[in-house]
Amino acid sequence: MTKVVIAPTLEIQDRETLRKALDAGDGSRHETALGGFIVEGVAMSGRLILCHGAGAGHDSEFLSQLRQRLAACGIQIVAV
């Protein structure tokens, strides 16, 4: 009998990437099929999804400081 190995779908891989990133909250950049995102901090008080505009990207000085300061207050930031 031949053993069939089913590769995880893209949706499952992206879900796993997001779960690991939310658990870590280390401020590093993560990639999915739909693009990159950054998770900063631990969700002690809540979670905020922060979307940058067409001007400044995730790595702008303002957004980096905003992520770090909110994370220091216990708000986990997911920057997409």
C-alpha atoms as a PDB file:
ATOM      1  CA  MET A   1       0.000   0.000   0.000  1.00  0.00           C
ATOM      2  CA  THR A   2       1.310   3.457  -0.919  1.00  0.00           C
ATOM      3  CA  LYS A   3       1.427   6.055   1.818  1.00  0.00           C
ATOM      4  CA  VAL A   4      -0.129   9.365   0.767  1.00  0.00           C
ATOM      5  CA  VAL A   5       1.298  12.521   2.274  1.00  0.00           C
ATOM      6  CA  ILE A   6      -0.876  15.592   1.969  1.00  0.00           C
ATOM      7  CA  ALA A   7       0.974  18.889   2.015  1.00  0.00           C
ATOM      8  CA  PRO A   8      -0.621  21.633   4.104  1.00  0.00           C
ATOM      9  CA  THR A   9      -2.614  24.127   2.103  1.00  0.00           C
ATOM     10  CA  LEU A  10      -1.525  27.720   1.864  1.00  0.00           C
ATOM     11  CA  GLU A  11      -4.367  28.763   4.171  1.00  0.00           C
ATOM     12  CA  ILE A  12      -3.215  26.325   6.868  1.00  0.00           C
ATOM     13  CA  GLN A  13       0.410  27.433   6.482  1.00  0.00           C
ATOM     14  CA  ASP A  14      -0.594  31.107   6.806  1.00  0.00           C
ATOM     15  CA  ARG A  15      -2.761  30.358   9.845  1.00  0.00           C
ATOM     16  CA  GLU A  16       0.151  28.565  11.506  1.00  0.00           C
ATOM     17  CA  THR A  17       2.503  31.460  10.696  1.00  0.00           C
ATOM     18  CA  LEU A  18       0.045  33.913  12.259  1.00  0.00           C
ATOM     19  CA  ARG A  19      -0.457  31.755  15.358  1.00  0.00           C
ATOM     20  CA  LYS A  20       3.281  31.454  15.953  1.00  0.00           C
ATOM     21  CA  ALA A  21       3.780  35.183  15.402  1.00  0.00           C
ATOM     22  CA  LEU A  22       0.992  36.071  17.868  1.00  0.00           C
ATOM     23  CA  ASP A  23       2.525  33.748  20.448  1.00  0.00           C
ATOM     24  CA  ALA A  24       6.003  35.240  19.998  1.00  0.00           C
ATOM     25  CA  GLY A  25       5.113  38.942  19.725  1.00  0.00           C
ATOM     26  CA  ASP A  26       8.787  39.705  19.196  1.00  0.00           C
ATOM     27  CA  GLY A  27       8.503  42.518  16.649  1.00  0.00           C
ATOM     28  CA  SER A  28       9.953  40.506  13.795  1.00  0.00           C
ATOM     29  CA  ARG A  29       8.540  40.510  10.266  1.00  0.00           C
ATOM     30  CA  HIS A  30       6.551  37.494   9.060  1.00  0.00           C
ATOM     31  CA  GLU A  31       5.462  36.597   5.536  1.00  0.00           C
ATOM     32  CA  THR A  32       2.268  34.984   4.264  1.00  0.00           C
ATOM     33  CA  ALA A  33       0.814  34.506   0.798  1.00  0.00           C
ATOM     34  CA  LEU A  34      -1.006  37.825   1.219  1.00  0.00           C
ATOM     35  CA  GLY A  35       2.028  39.803   2.348  1.00  0.00           C
ATOM     36  CA  GLY A  36       4.085  40.626   5.368  1.00  0.00           C
ATOM     37  CA  PHE A  37       3.112  41.583   8.892  1.00  0.00           C
ATOM     38  CA  ILE A  38       4.738  42.436  12.202  1.00  0.00           C
ATOM     39  CA  VAL A  39       3.518  41.419  15.661  1.00  0.00           C
ATOM     40  CA  GLU A  40       4.761  43.482  18.589  1.00  0.00           C
ATOM     41  CA  GLY A  41       4.107  42.684  22.241  1.00  0.00           C
ATOM     42  CA  VAL A  42       1.831  40.350  24.192  1.00  0.00           C
ATOM     43  CA  ALA A  43      -1.954  40.804  24.235  1.00  0.00           C
ATOM     44  CA  MET A  44      -2.358  41.462  27.972  1.00  0.00           C
ATOM     45  CA  SER A  45      -4.903  44.283  27.537  1.00  0.00           C
ATOM     46  CA  GLY A  46      -5.995  43.694  23.952  1.00  0.00           C
ATOM     47  CA  ARG A  47      -4.868  43.521  20.357  1.00  0.00           C
ATOM     48  CA  LEU A  48      -4.781  46.281  17.718  1.00  0.00           C
ATOM     49  CA  ILE A  49      -4.499  45.710  13.985  1.00  0.00           C
ATOM     50  CA  LEU A  50      -2.499  48.617  12.594  1.00  0.00           C
ATOM     51  CA  CYS A  51      -2.587  49.216   8.830  1.00  0.00           C
ATOM     52  CA  HIS A  52      -0.083  51.630   7.349  1.00  0.00           C
ATOM     53  CA  GLY A  53      -1.077  53.961   4.520  1.00  0.00           C
ATOM     54  CA  ALA A  54       0.429  54.479   1.120  1.00  0.00           C
ATOM     55  CA  GLY A  55       3.084  56.803   2.540  1.00  0.00           C
ATOM     56  CA  ALA A  56       4.965  55.323   5.471  1.00  0.00           C
ATOM     57  CA  GLY A  57       5.645  51.613   5.686  1.00  0.00           C
ATOM     58  CA  HIS A  58       5.880  49.276   8.686  1.00  0.00           C
ATOM     59  CA  ASP A  59       9.450  50.309   9.336  1.00  0.00           C
ATOM     60  CA  SER A  60       8.885  54.080   9.531  1.00  0.00           C
ATOM     61  CA  GLU A  61      10.197  55.686  12.708  1.00  0.00           C
ATOM     62  CA  PHE A  62       6.719  56.840  13.756  1.00  0.00           C
ATOM     63  CA  LEU A  63       5.000  53.469  13.323  1.00  0.00           C
ATOM     64  CA  SER A  64       7.889  51.607  14.964  1.00  0.00           C
ATOM     65  CA  GLN A  65       7.701  53.855  18.033  1.00  0.00           C
ATOM     66  CA  LEU A  66       3.898  53.628  18.115  1.00  0.00           C
ATOM     67  CA  ARG A  67       4.046  49.806  18.034  1.00  0.00           C
ATOM     68  CA  GLN A  68       6.660  49.667  20.769  1.00  0.00           C
ATOM     69  CA  ARG A  69       4.900  52.147  23.065  1.00  0.00           C
ATOM     70  CA  LEU A  70       1.505  50.462  22.743  1.00  0.00           C
ATOM     71  CA  ALA A  71       3.112  47.045  23.291  1.00  0.00           C
ATOM     72  CA  ALA A  72       4.743  48.399  26.465  1.00  0.00           C
ATOM     73  CA  CYS A  73       1.182  49.158  27.697  1.00  0.00           C
ATOM     74  CA  GLY A  74       0.098  45.535  27.150  1.00  0.00           C
ATOM     75  CA  ILE A  75      -1.548  46.032  23.755  1.00  0.00           C
ATOM     76  CA  GLN A  76      -0.376  43.572  21.121  1.00  0.00           C
ATOM     77  CA  ILE A  77       0.044  45.213  17.731  1.00  0.00           C
ATOM     78  CA  VAL A  78      -0.426  43.368  14.450  1.00  0.00           C
ATOM     79  CA  ALA A  79       0.909  45.664  11.731  1.00  0.00           C
ATOM     80  CA  VAL A  80      -0.238  44.757   8.227  1.00  0.00           C
END
